[in-house]
């Protein structure tokens, strides 16, 4: 009986923690007065968590502007202080790129802000665009 109770307790513990432990989406919102992206166009949903420890990197495939695609990578340098994100995306047949830097220690916490730049145009040729504010947002709030 004691073993049965231990097994049931362990199963309940795993069932309660499983959604949090396996939640792997990270969502970023790019915006700002001079940013090329905002609203729906500035929302990116990645199917992985951002790295938070020094010398770690992850691939970040995901969605951009609702039905568009984004392919990015995120890495934390040797100092471990910031995570840098670089990616390309396509929305409505137009390519763009994003760059962002967030504090590594809180990179996956909703409300964390950092800086970045973005480019979204078929005529400017992938130059760094105007500066943007980048915020980690709740993926349930997708526009």
Protein backbone atom coordinates (compact mmCIF):
# COMPACT_ATOMS: atom_id res chain seq x y z
CA UNK A 1 0.00 0.00 0.00
CA UNK A 2 2.84 2.37 0.86
CA UNK A 3 4.44 1.73 -2.54
CA UNK A 4 1.11 2.35 -4.30
CA UNK A 5 0.68 5.69 -2.50
CA UNK A 6 4.24 6.69 -3.42
CA UNK A 7 3.60 5.82 -7.06
CA UNK A 8 0.32 7.76 -7.14
CA UNK A 9 1.96 10.76 -5.45
CA UNK A 10 4.85 10.71 -7.93
CA UNK A 11 2.46 10.46 -10.90
CA UNK A 12 0.39 13.39 -9.58
CA UNK A 13 3.55 15.46 -9.08
CA UNK A 14 4.69 14.80 -12.65
CA UNK A 15 1.21 15.54 -14.04
CA UNK A 16 1.10 18.88 -12.27
CA UNK A 17 4.60 19.95 -13.31
CA UNK A 18 4.64 18.50 -16.82
CA UNK A 19 2.96 21.43 -18.61
CA UNK A 20 5.39 23.93 -17.06
CA UNK A 21 8.42 21.75 -17.59
CA UNK A 22 7.66 21.11 -21.25
CA UNK A 23 6.35 24.55 -22.20
CA UNK A 24 8.87 25.45 -24.88
CA UNK A 25 7.51 28.51 -26.68
CA UNK A 26 9.17 31.91 -26.43
CA UNK A 27 7.43 34.98 -27.81
CA UNK A 28 9.03 38.33 -28.56
CA UNK A 29 7.41 41.63 -29.47
CA UNK A 30 9.43 44.16 -31.46
CA UNK A 31 8.15 47.73 -31.43
CA UNK A 32 9.10 51.33 -30.95
CA UNK A 33 8.69 54.74 -32.54
CA UNK A 34 11.49 54.17 -35.04
CA UNK A 35 11.13 50.40 -35.38
CA UNK A 36 10.17 48.90 -38.77
CA UNK A 37 8.08 46.33 -36.87
CA UNK A 38 5.14 46.68 -34.48
CA UNK A 39 1.81 45.02 -33.67
CA UNK A 40 1.17 41.81 -35.61
CA UNK A 41 4.24 42.33 -37.77
CA UNK A 42 6.50 42.63 -34.71
CA UNK A 43 5.27 39.46 -32.96
CA UNK A 44 7.51 36.38 -33.19
CA UNK A 45 6.69 32.97 -31.69
CA UNK A 46 9.63 30.60 -31.40
CA UNK A 47 9.30 26.89 -30.62
CA UNK A 48 12.15 26.83 -28.09
CA UNK A 49 13.27 28.58 -24.93
CA UNK A 50 16.12 31.07 -25.04
CA UNK A 51 19.43 29.95 -23.55
CA UNK A 52 20.32 31.55 -20.21
CA UNK A 53 23.78 30.14 -19.46
CA UNK A 54 27.19 31.11 -20.85
CA UNK A 55 28.38 29.37 -24.01
CA UNK A 56 24.92 28.00 -24.91
CA UNK A 57 23.12 28.33 -28.23
CA UNK A 58 19.78 27.17 -29.64
CA UNK A 59 18.02 27.12 -32.97
CA UNK A 60 14.75 29.08 -32.96
CA UNK A 61 12.34 28.09 -35.71
CA UNK A 62 8.93 29.66 -35.46
CA UNK A 63 6.19 31.92 -36.78
CA UNK A 64 6.28 35.58 -37.72
CA UNK A 65 3.36 37.96 -38.36
CA UNK A 66 0.76 35.22 -37.87
CA UNK A 67 1.34 32.88 -40.81
CA UNK A 68 4.88 33.84 -41.84
CA UNK A 69 8.00 31.91 -40.93
CA UNK A 70 11.05 32.89 -38.93
CA UNK A 71 14.35 31.05 -38.58
CA UNK A 72 16.64 32.36 -35.89
CA UNK A 73 19.41 31.39 -33.52
CA UNK A 74 20.13 32.59 -30.00
CA UNK A 75 23.44 32.39 -28.16
CA UNK A 76 24.85 33.46 -24.83
CA UNK A 77 28.49 34.53 -24.99
CA UNK A 78 31.35 33.66 -22.66
CA UNK A 79 30.43 36.40 -20.16
CA UNK A 80 26.93 34.96 -19.71
CA UNK A 81 25.37 38.42 -19.41
CA UNK A 82 23.24 38.62 -22.53
CA UNK A 83 21.53 36.40 -25.06
CA UNK A 84 21.80 37.56 -28.66
CA UNK A 85 19.15 36.60 -31.19
CA UNK A 86 19.58 36.86 -34.96
CA UNK A 87 17.07 35.70 -37.53
CA UNK A 88 15.39 36.07 -40.87
CA UNK A 89 11.68 35.97 -41.57
CA UNK A 90 9.19 36.16 -44.41
CA UNK A 91 5.79 37.82 -44.15
CA UNK A 92 3.47 38.14 -47.12
CA UNK A 93 6.31 37.37 -49.53
CA UNK A 94 8.62 40.05 -48.11
CA UNK A 95 11.84 39.11 -46.32
CA UNK A 96 13.15 40.74 -43.19
CA UNK A 97 15.67 40.27 -40.43
CA UNK A 98 15.75 40.76 -36.67
CA UNK A 99 18.50 41.20 -34.13
CA UNK A 100 17.96 41.45 -30.40
CA UNK A 101 19.83 41.38 -27.13
CA UNK A 102 18.21 40.46 -23.80
CA UNK A 103 19.64 39.92 -20.30
CA UNK A 104 20.50 36.20 -20.16
CA UNK A 105 19.42 35.65 -16.54
CA UNK A 106 15.81 36.68 -17.28
CA UNK A 107 15.62 35.96 -21.02
CA UNK A 108 12.57 33.69 -20.68
CA UNK A 109 10.66 35.82 -18.18
CA UNK A 110 7.59 37.63 -19.51
CA UNK A 111 8.19 41.36 -19.29
CA UNK A 112 11.95 41.21 -19.81
CA UNK A 113 13.00 43.96 -22.20
CA UNK A 114 16.03 44.47 -24.34
CA UNK A 115 17.07 46.22 -27.49
CA UNK A 116 17.27 45.24 -31.10
CA UNK A 117 16.90 46.29 -34.67
CA UNK A 118 14.76 45.10 -37.50
CA UNK A 119 14.52 45.40 -41.22
CA UNK A 120 11.42 44.66 -43.28
CA UNK A 121 11.54 45.81 -46.87
CA UNK A 122 12.27 44.40 -50.27
CA UNK A 123 14.23 47.47 -51.42
CA UNK A 124 16.77 48.33 -48.69
CA UNK A 125 18.89 45.19 -48.93
CA UNK A 126 19.20 43.78 -45.38
CA UNK A 127 20.84 46.72 -43.69
CA UNK A 128 20.32 47.09 -39.96
CA UNK A 129 17.09 48.96 -39.50
CA UNK A 130 15.98 51.44 -36.89
CA UNK A 131 16.26 50.58 -33.23
CA UNK A 132 13.49 48.62 -31.56
CA UNK A 133 12.43 47.73 -28.06
CA UNK A 134 12.21 43.95 -27.69
CA UNK A 135 9.98 42.47 -24.98
CA UNK A 136 9.40 38.87 -23.93
CA UNK A 137 5.62 38.50 -24.01
CA UNK A 138 3.08 35.85 -23.08
CA UNK A 139 2.47 33.64 -26.12
CA UNK A 140 -1.24 33.49 -25.22
CA UNK A 141 -1.44 37.21 -26.07
CA UNK A 142 -0.54 36.62 -29.73
CA UNK A 143 -2.18 39.33 -31.88
